[in-house]
């Protein structure tokens, strides 16, 4: 069951939005081959968002590191990929860092005590 009120819901929202922007890049770029690479990544991001909504803490740690690396890849691609608009990569960069910040807040506060 999906827990929309879990501790990782903000991180799940931001990574889902990033996944949608990855997929949107294909449409915005006119089906350029550089944007085709982003579609599988977007699908994986949507799967990771679903996992975060499940409350999987171990996945939150993995996503935390993955988003830092992914944001750097997006920033590196922003000005080096001419067929995909720069604003797509900058949006991905911002959403990835919003995910990192949301997960940082959720992971490093005290763990909830089971009732």
PDB file of N, CA and C in Angstrom:
ATOM      1  N   UNK A   1       0.838  -1.176   0.000  1.00  0.00           N
ATOM      2  CA  UNK A   1       0.000   0.000   0.000  1.00  0.00           C
ATOM      3  C   UNK A   1       0.888   1.246   0.000  1.00  0.00           C
ATOM      4  N   UNK A   2       0.507   2.220  -0.762  1.00  0.00           N
ATOM      5  CA  UNK A   2       1.269   3.455  -0.860  1.00  0.00           C
ATOM      6  C   UNK A   2       0.912   4.353   0.314  1.00  0.00           C
ATOM      7  N   UNK A   3       1.947   4.826   1.017  1.00  0.00           N
ATOM      8  CA  UNK A   3       1.744   5.702   2.168  1.00  0.00           C
ATOM      9  C   UNK A   3       2.059   7.134   1.749  1.00  0.00           C
ATOM     10  N   UNK A   4       1.024   7.873   1.346  1.00  0.00           N
ATOM     11  CA  UNK A   4       1.233   9.247   0.875  1.00  0.00           C
ATOM     12  C   UNK A   4       1.566  10.197   2.010  1.00  0.00           C
ATOM     13  N   UNK A   5       1.540   9.721   3.242  1.00  0.00           N
ATOM     14  CA  UNK A   5       1.876  10.575   4.376  1.00  0.00           C
ATOM     15  C   UNK A   5       3.169  10.130   5.048  1.00  0.00           C
ATOM     16  N   UNK A   6       3.943   9.320   4.369  1.00  0.00           N
ATOM     17  CA  UNK A   6       5.184   8.815   4.927  1.00  0.00           C
ATOM     18  C   UNK A   6       6.261   9.882   5.009  1.00  0.00           C
ATOM     19  N   UNK A   7       7.384   9.540   5.603  1.00  0.00           N
ATOM     20  CA  UNK A   7       8.446  10.533   5.805  1.00  0.00           C
ATOM     21  C   UNK A   7       9.157  10.947   4.512  1.00  0.00           C
ATOM     22  N   UNK A   8       9.033  10.150   3.457  1.00  0.00           N
ATOM     23  CA  UNK A   8       9.751  10.437   2.223  1.00  0.00           C
ATOM     24  C   UNK A   8       8.846  10.988   1.130  1.00  0.00           C
ATOM     25  N   UNK A   9       7.654  11.462   1.487  1.00  0.00           N
ATOM     26  CA  UNK A   9       6.682  11.908   0.475  1.00  0.00           C
ATOM     27  C   UNK A   9       7.172  13.118  -0.315  1.00  0.00           C
ATOM     28  N   UNK A  10       7.845  14.055   0.324  1.00  0.00           N
ATOM     29  CA  UNK A  10       8.347  15.228  -0.408  1.00  0.00           C
ATOM     30  C   UNK A  10       9.438  14.809  -1.393  1.00  0.00           C
ATOM     31  N   UNK A  11      10.330  13.929  -0.959  1.00  0.00           N
ATOM     32  CA  UNK A  11      11.362  13.425  -1.856  1.00  0.00           C
ATOM     33  C   UNK A  11      10.755  12.651  -3.010  1.00  0.00           C
ATOM     34  N   UNK A  12       9.708  11.875  -2.740  1.00  0.00           N
ATOM     35  CA  UNK A  12       9.031  11.118  -3.795  1.00  0.00           C
ATOM     36  C   UNK A  12       8.371  12.056  -4.802  1.00  0.00           C
ATOM     37  N   UNK A  13       7.803  13.145  -4.319  1.00  0.00           N
ATOM     38  CA  UNK A  13       7.172  14.113  -5.219  1.00  0.00           C
ATOM     39  C   UNK A  13       8.209  14.729  -6.157  1.00  0.00           C
ATOM     40  N   UNK A  14       9.338  15.158  -5.609  1.00  0.00           N
ATOM     41  CA  UNK A  14      10.351  15.817  -6.424  1.00  0.00           C
ATOM     42  C   UNK A  14      11.001  14.857  -7.426  1.00  0.00           C
ATOM     43  N   UNK A  15      11.240  13.612  -7.019  1.00  0.00           N
ATOM     44  CA  UNK A  15      11.853  12.673  -7.963  1.00  0.00           C
ATOM     45  C   UNK A  15      10.844  12.266  -9.035  1.00  0.00           C
ATOM     46  N   UNK A  16       9.562  12.206  -8.685  1.00  0.00           N
ATOM     47  CA  UNK A  16       8.539  11.910  -9.695  1.00  0.00           C
ATOM     48  C   UNK A  16       8.448  13.050 -10.710  1.00  0.00           C
ATOM     49  N   UNK A  17       8.507  14.283 -10.229  1.00  0.00           N
ATOM     50  CA  UNK A  17       8.498  15.425 -11.146  1.00  0.00           C
ATOM     51  C   UNK A  17       9.730  15.412 -12.044  1.00  0.00           C
ATOM     52  N   UNK A  18      10.872  15.050 -11.474  1.00  0.00           N
ATOM     53  CA  UNK A  18      12.089  14.954 -12.277  1.00  0.00           C
ATOM     54  C   UNK A  18      11.943  13.858 -13.334  1.00  0.00           C
ATOM     55  N   UNK A  19      11.341  12.745 -12.967  1.00  0.00           N
ATOM     56  CA  UNK A  19      11.105  11.680 -13.930  1.00  0.00           C
ATOM     57  C   UNK A  19      10.194  12.121 -15.058  1.00  0.00           C
ATOM     58  N   UNK A  20       9.166  12.885 -14.720  1.00  0.00           N
ATOM     59  CA  UNK A  20       8.264  13.394 -15.756  1.00  0.00           C
ATOM     60  C   UNK A  20       8.969  14.384 -16.683  1.00  0.00           C
ATOM     61  N   UNK A  21       9.847  15.212 -16.138  1.00  0.00           N
ATOM     62  CA  UNK A  21      10.606  16.154 -16.972  1.00  0.00           C
ATOM     63  C   UNK A  21      11.565  15.388 -17.885  1.00  0.00           C
ATOM     64  N   UNK A  22      12.141  14.293 -17.387  1.00  0.00           N
ATOM     65  CA  UNK A  22      12.994  13.455 -18.239  1.00  0.00           C
ATOM     66  C   UNK A  22      12.209  12.955 -19.448  1.00  0.00           C
ATOM     67  N   UNK A  23      10.989  12.509 -19.207  1.00  0.00           N
ATOM     68  CA  UNK A  23      10.160  11.988 -20.300  1.00  0.00           C
ATOM     69  C   UNK A  23       9.679  13.131 -21.190  1.00  0.00           C
ATOM     70  N   UNK A  24       9.364  14.259 -20.597  1.00  0.00           N
ATOM     71  CA  UNK A  24       8.916  15.425 -21.352  1.00  0.00           C
ATOM     72  C   UNK A  24      10.000  15.930 -22.307  1.00  0.00           C
ATOM     73  N   UNK A  25      11.248  15.722 -21.953  1.00  0.00           N
ATOM     74  CA  UNK A  25      12.358  16.184 -22.794  1.00  0.00           C
ATOM     75  C   UNK A  25      12.272  15.599 -24.197  1.00  0.00           C
ATOM     76  N   UNK A  26      11.775  14.390 -24.318  1.00  0.00           N
ATOM     77  CA  UNK A  26      11.646  13.771 -25.632  1.00  0.00           C
ATOM     78  C   UNK A  26      10.669  14.547 -26.506  1.00  0.00           C
ATOM     79  N   UNK A  27       9.563  14.974 -25.933  1.00  0.00           N
ATOM     80  CA  UNK A  27       8.568  15.723 -26.701  1.00  0.00           C
ATOM     81  C   UNK A  27       9.043  17.131 -27.032  1.00  0.00           C
ATOM     82  N   UNK A  28       9.665  17.781 -26.069  1.00  0.00           N
ATOM     83  CA  UNK A  28      10.101  19.164 -26.250  1.00  0.00           C
ATOM     84  C   UNK A  28      11.230  19.259 -27.273  1.00  0.00           C
ATOM     85  N   UNK A  29      12.083  18.263 -27.310  1.00  0.00           N
ATOM     86  CA  UNK A  29      13.235  18.311 -28.218  1.00  0.00           C
ATOM     87  C   UNK A  29      12.909  17.820 -29.621  1.00  0.00           C
ATOM     88  N   UNK A  30      11.680  17.468 -29.854  1.00  0.00           N
ATOM     89  CA  UNK A  30      11.323  16.974 -31.183  1.00  0.00           C
ATOM     90  C   UNK A  30      11.849  15.575 -31.453  1.00  0.00           C
ATOM     91  N   UNK A  31      11.848  14.739 -30.432  1.00  0.00           N
ATOM     92  CA  UNK A  31      12.289  13.351 -30.525  1.00  0.00           C
ATOM     93  C   UNK A  31      13.752  13.233 -30.945  1.00  0.00           C
ATOM     94  N   UNK A  32      14.579  14.109 -30.392  1.00  0.00           N
ATOM     95  CA  UNK A  32      16.026  14.045 -30.653  1.00  0.00           C
ATOM     96  C   UNK A  32      16.620  12.817 -29.977  1.00  0.00           C
ATOM     97  N   UNK A  33      17.661  12.277 -30.568  1.00  0.00           N
ATOM     98  CA  UNK A  33      18.274  11.061 -30.023  1.00  0.00           C
ATOM     99  C   UNK A  33      18.874  11.289 -28.636  1.00  0.00           C
ATOM    100  N   UNK A  34      19.356  12.508 -28.370  1.00  0.00           N
ATOM    101  CA  UNK A  34      19.907  12.803 -27.040  1.00  0.00           C
ATOM    102  C   UNK A  34      18.829  12.729 -25.974  1.00  0.00           C
ATOM    103  N   UNK A  35      17.609  13.109 -26.318  1.00  0.00           N
ATOM    104  CA  UNK A  35      16.508  13.066 -25.361  1.00  0.00           C
ATOM    105  C   UNK A  35      15.979  11.654 -25.184  1.00  0.00           C
ATOM    106  N   UNK A  36      16.186  10.805 -26.169  1.00  0.00           N
ATOM    107  CA  UNK A  36      15.735   9.420 -26.075  1.00  0.00           C
ATOM    108  C   UNK A  36      16.431   8.691 -24.931  1.00  0.00           C
ATOM    109  N   UNK A  37      17.650   9.103 -24.622  1.00  0.00           N
ATOM    110  CA  UNK A  37      18.399   8.515 -23.520  1.00  0.00           C
ATOM    111  C   UNK A  37      17.748   8.846 -22.180  1.00  0.00           C
ATOM    112  N   UNK A  38      17.076   9.973 -22.100  1.00  0.00           N
ATOM    113  CA  UNK A  38      16.476  10.411 -20.846  1.00  0.00           C
ATOM    114  C   UNK A  38      15.210   9.642 -20.478  1.00  0.00           C
ATOM    115  N   UNK A  39      14.538   9.042 -21.436  1.00  0.00           N
ATOM    116  CA  UNK A  39      13.260   8.368 -21.169  1.00  0.00           C
ATOM    117  C   UNK A  39      13.410   7.186 -20.209  1.00  0.00           C
ATOM    118  N   UNK A  40      14.359   6.263 -20.421  1.00  0.00           N
ATOM    119  CA  UNK A  40      14.495   5.172 -19.447  1.00  0.00           C
ATOM    120  C   UNK A  40      14.863   5.673 -18.048  1.00  0.00           C
ATOM    121  N   UNK A  41      15.661   6.724 -18.001  1.00  0.00           N
ATOM    122  CA  UNK A  41      16.024   7.300 -16.708  1.00  0.00           C
ATOM    123  C   UNK A  41      14.771   7.844 -16.022  1.00  0.00           C
ATOM    124  N   UNK A  42      13.902   8.498 -16.780  1.00  0.00           N
ATOM    125  CA  UNK A  42      12.661   9.009 -16.225  1.00  0.00           C
ATOM    126  C   UNK A  42      11.766   7.908 -15.699  1.00  0.00           C
ATOM    127  N   UNK A  43      11.716   6.787 -16.405  1.00  0.00           N
ATOM    128  CA  UNK A  43      10.902   5.658 -15.948  1.00  0.00           C
ATOM    129  C   UNK A  43      11.469   5.075 -14.652  1.00  0.00           C
ATOM    130  N   UNK A  44      12.790   4.978 -14.563  1.00  0.00           N
ATOM    131  CA  UNK A  44      13.430   4.496 -13.331  1.00  0.00           C
ATOM    132  C   UNK A  44      13.138   5.463 -12.186  1.00  0.00           C
ATOM    133  N   UNK A  45      13.196   6.761 -12.446  1.00  0.00           N
ATOM    134  CA  UNK A  45      12.899   7.752 -11.406  1.00  0.00           C
ATOM    135  C   UNK A  45      11.469   7.606 -10.896  1.00  0.00           C
ATOM    136  N   UNK A  46      10.536   7.338 -11.787  1.00  0.00           N
ATOM    137  CA  UNK A  46       9.150   7.129 -11.348  1.00  0.00           C
ATOM    138  C   UNK A  46       9.045   5.880 -10.473  1.00  0.00           C
ATOM    139  N   UNK A  47       9.789   4.846 -10.811  1.00  0.00           N
ATOM    140  CA  UNK A  47       9.826   3.651  -9.967  1.00  0.00           C
ATOM    141  C   UNK A  47      10.437   3.928  -8.601  1.00  0.00           C
ATOM    142  N   UNK A  48      11.472   4.750  -8.583  1.00  0.00           N
ATOM    143  CA  UNK A  48      12.085   5.120  -7.305  1.00  0.00           C
ATOM    144  C   UNK A  48      11.120   5.944  -6.451  1.00  0.00           C
ATOM    145  N   UNK A  49      10.338   6.792  -7.089  1.00  0.00           N
ATOM    146  CA  UNK A  49       9.337   7.569  -6.350  1.00  0.00           C
ATOM    147  C   UNK A  49       8.315   6.640  -5.708  1.00  0.00           C
ATOM    148  N   UNK A  50       7.901   5.627  -6.441  1.00  0.00           N
ATOM    149  CA  UNK A  50       6.962   4.649  -5.878  1.00  0.00           C
ATOM    150  C   UNK A  50       7.582   3.943  -4.670  1.00  0.00           C
ATOM    151  N   UNK A  51       8.857   3.569  -4.782  1.00  0.00           N
ATOM    152  CA  UNK A  51       9.546   2.932  -3.660  1.00  0.00           C
ATOM    153  C   UNK A  51       9.655   3.836  -2.448  1.00  0.00           C
ATOM    154  N   UNK A  52       9.879   5.119  -2.666  1.00  0.00           N
ATOM    155  CA  UNK A  52       9.937   6.051  -1.546  1.00  0.00           C
ATOM    156  C   UNK A  52       8.579   6.184  -0.868  1.00  0.00           C
ATOM    157  N   UNK A  53       7.515   6.143  -1.661  1.00  0.00           N
ATOM    158  CA  UNK A  53       6.177   6.202  -1.070  1.00  0.00           C
ATOM    159  C   UNK A  53       5.849   4.941  -0.269  1.00  0.00           C
ATOM    160  N   UNK A  54       6.558   3.862  -0.537  1.00  0.00           N
ATOM    161  CA  UNK A  54       6.392   2.644   0.258  1.00  0.00           C
ATOM    162  C   UNK A  54       7.053   2.784   1.635  1.00  0.00           C
ATOM    163  N   UNK A  55       7.902   3.810   1.780  1.00  0.00           N
ATOM    164  CA  UNK A  55       8.571   4.040   3.052  1.00  0.00           C
ATOM    165  C   UNK A  55       9.862   3.258   3.208  1.00  0.00           C
ATOM    166  N   UNK A  56      10.454   2.824   2.100  1.00  0.00           N
ATOM    167  CA  UNK A  56      11.689   2.050   2.166  1.00  0.00           C
ATOM    168  C   UNK A  56      12.863   2.965   2.484  1.00  0.00           C
ATOM    169  N   UNK A  57      13.321   2.891   3.708  1.00  0.00           N
ATOM    170  CA  UNK A  57      14.395   3.767   4.167  1.00  0.00           C
ATOM    171  C   UNK A  57      15.702   3.495   3.423  1.00  0.00           C
ATOM    172  N   UNK A  58      16.018   2.234   3.172  1.00  0.00           N
ATOM    173  CA  UNK A  58      17.253   1.887   2.470  1.00  0.00           C
ATOM    174  C   UNK A  58      17.267   2.513   1.085  1.00  0.00           C
ATOM    175  N   UNK A  59      16.093   2.560   0.434  1.00  0.00           N
ATOM    176  CA  UNK A  59      16.007   3.157  -0.891  1.00  0.00           C
ATOM    177  C   UNK A  59      16.217   4.667  -0.817  1.00  0.00           C
ATOM    178  N   UNK A  60      15.782   5.268   0.269  1.00  0.00           N
ATOM    179  CA  UNK A  60      15.974   6.713   0.433  1.00  0.00           C
ATOM    180  C   UNK A  60      17.463   7.058   0.483  1.00  0.00           C
ATOM    181  N   UNK A  61      18.262   6.225   1.123  1.00  0.00           N
ATOM    182  CA  UNK A  61      19.708   6.457   1.140  1.00  0.00           C
ATOM    183  C   UNK A  61      20.306   6.329  -0.273  1.00  0.00           C
ATOM    184  N   UNK A  62      19.861   5.324  -1.008  1.00  0.00           N
ATOM    185  CA  UNK A  62      20.354   5.122  -2.373  1.00  0.00           C
ATOM    186  C   UNK A  62      19.951   6.291  -3.262  1.00  0.00           C
ATOM    187  N   UNK A  63      18.692   6.705  -3.155  1.00  0.00           N
ATOM    188  CA  UNK A  63      18.193   7.811  -3.981  1.00  0.00           C
ATOM    189  C   UNK A  63      18.905   9.108  -3.623  1.00  0.00           C
ATOM    190  N   UNK A  64      19.222   9.309  -2.353  1.00  0.00           N
ATOM    191  CA  UNK A  64      19.936  10.499  -1.916  1.00  0.00           C
ATOM    192  C   UNK A  64      21.248  10.658  -2.690  1.00  0.00           C
ATOM    193  N   UNK A  65      22.024   9.589  -2.760  1.00  0.00           N
ATOM    194  CA  UNK A  65      23.304   9.635  -3.476  1.00  0.00           C
ATOM    195  C   UNK A  65      23.084   9.696  -4.981  1.00  0.00           C
ATOM    196  N   UNK A  66      22.120   8.928  -5.472  1.00  0.00           N
ATOM    197  CA  UNK A  66      21.833   8.900  -6.904  1.00  0.00           C
ATOM    198  C   UNK A  66      21.412  10.271  -7.423  1.00  0.00           C
ATOM    199  N   UNK A  67      20.656  11.015  -6.651  1.00  0.00           N
ATOM    200  CA  UNK A  67      20.202  12.338  -7.088  1.00  0.00           C
ATOM    201  C   UNK A  67      21.346  13.342  -7.117  1.00  0.00           C
ATOM    202  N   UNK A  68      22.306  13.201  -6.221  1.00  0.00           N
ATOM    203  CA  UNK A  68      23.465  14.091  -6.270  1.00  0.00           C
ATOM    204  C   UNK A  68      24.265  13.847  -7.548  1.00  0.00           C
ATOM    205  N   UNK A  69      24.460  12.588  -7.884  1.00  0.00           N
ATOM    206  CA  UNK A  69      25.198  12.244  -9.104  1.00  0.00           C
ATOM    207  C   UNK A  69      24.390  12.639 -10.338  1.00  0.00           C
ATOM    208  N   UNK A  70      23.084  12.354 -10.326  1.00  0.00           N
ATOM    209  CA  UNK A  70      22.230  12.690 -11.461  1.00  0.00           C
ATOM    210  C   UNK A  70      22.146  14.182 -11.720  1.00  0.00           C
ATOM    211  N   UNK A  71      22.141  14.960 -10.657  1.00  0.00           N
ATOM    212  CA  UNK A  71      22.076  16.411 -10.835  1.00  0.00           C
ATOM    213  C   UNK A  71      23.348  16.939 -11.483  1.00  0.00           C
ATOM    214  N   UNK A  72      24.471  16.366 -11.133  1.00  0.00           N
ATOM    215  CA  UNK A  72      25.732  16.785 -11.765  1.00  0.00           C
ATOM    216  C   UNK A  72      25.769  16.389 -13.237  1.00  0.00           C
ATOM    217  N   UNK A  73      25.218  15.225 -13.557  1.00  0.00           N
ATOM    218  CA  UNK A  73      25.143  14.805 -14.963  1.00  0.00           C
ATOM    219  C   UNK A  73      24.220  15.733 -15.749  1.00  0.00           C
ATOM    220  N   UNK A  74      23.121  16.155 -15.124  1.00  0.00           N
ATOM    221  CA  UNK A  74      22.198  17.080 -15.801  1.00  0.00           C
ATOM    222  C   UNK A  74      22.866  18.431 -16.026  1.00  0.00           C
ATOM    223  N   UNK A  75      23.599  18.901 -15.041  1.00  0.00           N
ATOM    224  CA  UNK A  75      24.280  20.185 -15.189  1.00  0.00           C
ATOM    225  C   UNK A  75      25.369  20.111 -16.260  1.00  0.00           C
ATOM    226  N   UNK A  76      26.069  18.991 -16.325  1.00  0.00           N
ATOM    227  CA  UNK A  76      27.101  18.829 -17.351  1.00  0.00           C
ATOM    228  C   UNK A  76      26.494  18.766 -18.747  1.00  0.00           C
ATOM    229  N   UNK A  77      25.289  18.211 -18.844  1.00  0.00           N
ATOM    230  CA  UNK A  77      24.631  18.083 -20.146  1.00  0.00           C
ATOM    231  C   UNK A  77      23.905  19.352 -20.577  1.00  0.00           C
ATOM    232  N   UNK A  78      23.704  20.274 -19.655  1.00  0.00           N
ATOM    233  CA  UNK A  78      22.878  21.446 -19.947  1.00  0.00           C
ATOM    234  C   UNK A  78      23.394  22.246 -21.140  1.00  0.00           C
ATOM    235  N   UNK A  79      24.685  22.444 -21.215  1.00  0.00           N
ATOM    236  CA  UNK A  79      25.222  23.258 -22.298  1.00  0.00           C
ATOM    237  C   UNK A  79      25.970  22.453 -23.345  1.00  0.00           C
ATOM    238  N   UNK A  80      26.039  21.147 -23.138  1.00  0.00           N
ATOM    239  CA  UNK A  80      26.777  20.331 -24.108  1.00  0.00           C
ATOM    240  C   UNK A  80      25.868  19.514 -25.024  1.00  0.00           C
ATOM    241  N   UNK A  81      24.569  19.583 -24.830  1.00  0.00           N
ATOM    242  CA  UNK A  81      23.630  18.839 -25.662  1.00  0.00           C
ATOM    243  C   UNK A  81      22.758  19.836 -26.413  1.00  0.00           C
ATOM    244  N   UNK A  82      23.069  20.112 -27.666  1.00  0.00           N
ATOM    245  CA  UNK A  82      22.373  21.188 -28.378  1.00  0.00           C
ATOM    246  C   UNK A  82      20.924  20.881 -28.766  1.00  0.00           C
ATOM    247  N   UNK A  83      20.566  19.616 -28.920  1.00  0.00           N
ATOM    248  CA  UNK A  83      19.219  19.296 -29.389  1.00  0.00           C
ATOM    249  C   UNK A  83      18.164  19.292 -28.290  1.00  0.00           C
ATOM    250  N   UNK A  84      18.600  19.280 -27.037  1.00  0.00           N
ATOM    251  CA  UNK A  84      17.670  19.325 -25.907  1.00  0.00           C
ATOM    252  C   UNK A  84      17.797  20.711 -25.277  1.00  0.00           C
ATOM    253  N   UNK A  85      16.659  21.405 -25.054  1.00  0.00           N
ATOM    254  CA  UNK A  85      16.739  22.754 -24.475  1.00  0.00           C
ATOM    255  C   UNK A  85      17.439  22.765 -23.113  1.00  0.00           C
ATOM    256  N   UNK A  86      18.196  23.803 -22.880  1.00  0.00           N
ATOM    257  CA  UNK A  86      18.942  23.939 -21.632  1.00  0.00           C
ATOM    258  C   UNK A  86      18.019  23.970 -20.428  1.00  0.00           C
ATOM    259  N   UNK A  87      16.839  24.574 -20.571  1.00  0.00           N
ATOM    260  CA  UNK A  87      15.937  24.689 -19.426  1.00  0.00           C
ATOM    261  C   UNK A  87      15.455  23.322 -18.941  1.00  0.00           C
ATOM    262  N   UNK A  88      15.433  22.315 -19.802  1.00  0.00           N
ATOM    263  CA  UNK A  88      15.063  20.953 -19.380  1.00  0.00           C
ATOM    264  C   UNK A  88      16.101  20.434 -18.388  1.00  0.00           C
ATOM    265  N   UNK A  89      17.363  20.554 -18.755  1.00  0.00           N
ATOM    266  CA  UNK A  89      18.423  20.057 -17.877  1.00  0.00           C
ATOM    267  C   UNK A  89      18.513  20.862 -16.583  1.00  0.00           C
ATOM    268  N   UNK A  90      18.296  22.160 -16.660  1.00  0.00           N
ATOM    269  CA  UNK A  90      18.334  22.970 -15.444  1.00  0.00           C
ATOM    270  C   UNK A  90      17.158  22.647 -14.530  1.00  0.00           C
ATOM    271  N   UNK A  91      16.006  22.338 -15.109  1.00  0.00           N
ATOM    272  CA  UNK A  91      14.855  21.920 -14.303  1.00  0.00           C
ATOM    273  C   UNK A  91      15.142  20.587 -13.625  1.00  0.00           C
ATOM    274  N   UNK A  92      15.749  19.667 -14.351  1.00  0.00           N
ATOM    275  CA  UNK A  92      16.122  18.380 -13.761  1.00  0.00           C
ATOM    276  C   UNK A  92      17.120  18.597 -12.628  1.00  0.00           C
ATOM    277  N   UNK A  93      18.089  19.484 -12.849  1.00  0.00           N
ATOM    278  CA  UNK A  93      19.084  19.782 -11.811  1.00  0.00           C
ATOM    279  C   UNK A  93      18.414  20.295 -10.536  1.00  0.00           C
ATOM    280  N   UNK A  94      17.496  21.237 -10.684  1.00  0.00           N
ATOM    281  CA  UNK A  94      16.820  21.814  -9.517  1.00  0.00           C
ATOM    282  C   UNK A  94      15.958  20.764  -8.818  1.00  0.00           C
ATOM    283  N   UNK A  95      15.204  19.988  -9.577  1.00  0.00           N
ATOM    284  CA  UNK A  95      14.342  18.971  -8.965  1.00  0.00           C
ATOM    285  C   UNK A  95      15.162  17.889  -8.268  1.00  0.00           C
ATOM    286  N   UNK A  96      16.296  17.530  -8.841  1.00  0.00           N
ATOM    287  CA  UNK A  96      17.157  16.537  -8.187  1.00  0.00           C
ATOM    288  C   UNK A  96      17.684  17.068  -6.856  1.00  0.00           C
ATOM    289  N   UNK A  97      18.057  18.339  -6.817  1.00  0.00           N
ATOM    290  CA  UNK A  97      18.553  18.885  -5.554  1.00  0.00           C
ATOM    291  C   UNK A  97      17.437  19.116  -4.541  1.00  0.00           C
ATOM    292  N   UNK A  98      16.240  19.391  -5.005  1.00  0.00           N
ATOM    293  CA  UNK A  98      15.118  19.453  -4.078  1.00  0.00           C
ATOM    294  C   UNK A  98      14.848  18.070  -3.472  1.00  0.00           C
ATOM    295  N   UNK A  99      15.035  17.034  -4.276  1.00  0.00           N
ATOM    296  CA  UNK A  99      14.918  15.667  -3.759  1.00  0.00           C
ATOM    297  C   UNK A  99      15.978  15.401  -2.707  1.00  0.00           C
ATOM    298  N   UNK A 100      17.211  15.801  -2.992  1.00  0.00           N
ATOM    299  CA  UNK A 100      18.303  15.601  -2.037  1.00  0.00           C
ATOM    300  C   UNK A 100      18.001  16.306  -0.716  1.00  0.00           C
ATOM    301  N   UNK A 101      17.558  17.542  -0.792  1.00  0.00           N
ATOM    302  CA  UNK A 101      17.269  18.295   0.436  1.00  0.00           C
ATOM    303  C   UNK A 101      16.099  17.695   1.217  1.00  0.00           C
ATOM    304  N   UNK A 102      15.066  17.261   0.510  1.00  0.00           N
ATOM    305  CA  UNK A 102      13.916  16.650   1.181  1.00  0.00           C
ATOM    306  C   UNK A 102      14.312  15.335   1.853  1.00  0.00           C
ATOM    307  N   UNK A 103      15.112  14.543   1.170  1.00  0.00           N
ATOM    308  CA  UNK A 103      15.542  13.279   1.762  1.00  0.00           C
ATOM    309  C   UNK A 103      16.532  13.490   2.894  1.00  0.00           C
ATOM    310  N   UNK A 104      17.364  14.509   2.788  1.00  0.00           N
ATOM    311  CA  UNK A 104      18.271  14.824   3.893  1.00  0.00           C
ATOM    312  C   UNK A 104      17.477  15.114   5.159  1.00  0.00           C
ATOM    313  N   UNK A 105      16.441  15.934   5.025  1.00  0.00           N
ATOM    314  CA  UNK A 105      15.610  16.238   6.187  1.00  0.00           C
ATOM    315  C   UNK A 105      14.899  15.020   6.736  1.00  0.00           C
ATOM    316  N   UNK A 106      14.463  14.125   5.878  1.00  0.00           N
ATOM    317  CA  UNK A 106      13.732  12.938   6.324  1.00  0.00           C
ATOM    318  C   UNK A 106      14.658  11.873   6.908  1.00  0.00           C
ATOM    319  N   UNK A 107      15.853  11.736   6.355  1.00  0.00           N
ATOM    320  CA  UNK A 107      16.747  10.662   6.797  1.00  0.00           C
ATOM    321  C   UNK A 107      17.511  10.997   8.070  1.00  0.00           C
ATOM    322  N   UNK A 108      17.889  12.241   8.229  1.00  0.00           N
ATOM    323  CA  UNK A 108      18.768  12.562   9.338  1.00  0.00           C
ATOM    324  C   UNK A 108      18.076  13.190  10.530  1.00  0.00           C
ATOM    325  N   UNK A 109      16.780  13.170  10.557  1.00  0.00           N
ATOM    326  CA  UNK A 109      16.129  13.480  11.824  1.00  0.00           C
ATOM    327  C   UNK A 109      15.954  12.154  12.548  1.00  0.00           C
ATOM    328  N   UNK A 110      15.580  12.215  13.810  1.00  0.00           N
ATOM    329  CA  UNK A 110      15.510  10.980  14.578  1.00  0.00           C
ATOM    330  C   UNK A 110      14.474  10.032  13.983  1.00  0.00           C
ATOM    331  N   UNK A 111      14.800   8.763  14.039  1.00  0.00           N
ATOM    332  CA  UNK A 111      13.927   7.728  13.484  1.00  0.00           C
ATOM    333  C   UNK A 111      12.686   7.608  14.375  1.00  0.00           C
ATOM    334  N   UNK A 112      11.491   7.490  13.778  1.00  0.00           N
ATOM    335  CA  UNK A 112      10.284   7.397  14.590  1.00  0.00           C
ATOM    336  C   UNK A 112      10.279   6.137  15.466  1.00  0.00           C
ATOM    337  N   UNK A 113       9.807   6.299  16.666  1.00  0.00           N
ATOM    338  CA  UNK A 113       9.738   5.182  17.611  1.00  0.00           C
ATOM    339  C   UNK A 113       8.440   4.423  17.334  1.00  0.00           C
ATOM    340  N   UNK A 114       8.548   3.090  17.123  1.00  0.00           N
ATOM    341  CA  UNK A 114       7.316   2.328  16.887  1.00  0.00           C
ATOM    342  C   UNK A 114       6.431   2.303  18.122  1.00  0.00           C
ATOM    343  N   UNK A 115       5.147   2.421  17.881  1.00  0.00           N
ATOM    344  CA  UNK A 115       4.196   2.462  19.009  1.00  0.00           C
ATOM    345  C   UNK A 115       3.862   1.086  19.497  1.00  0.00           C
TER     346      UNK A 115
END
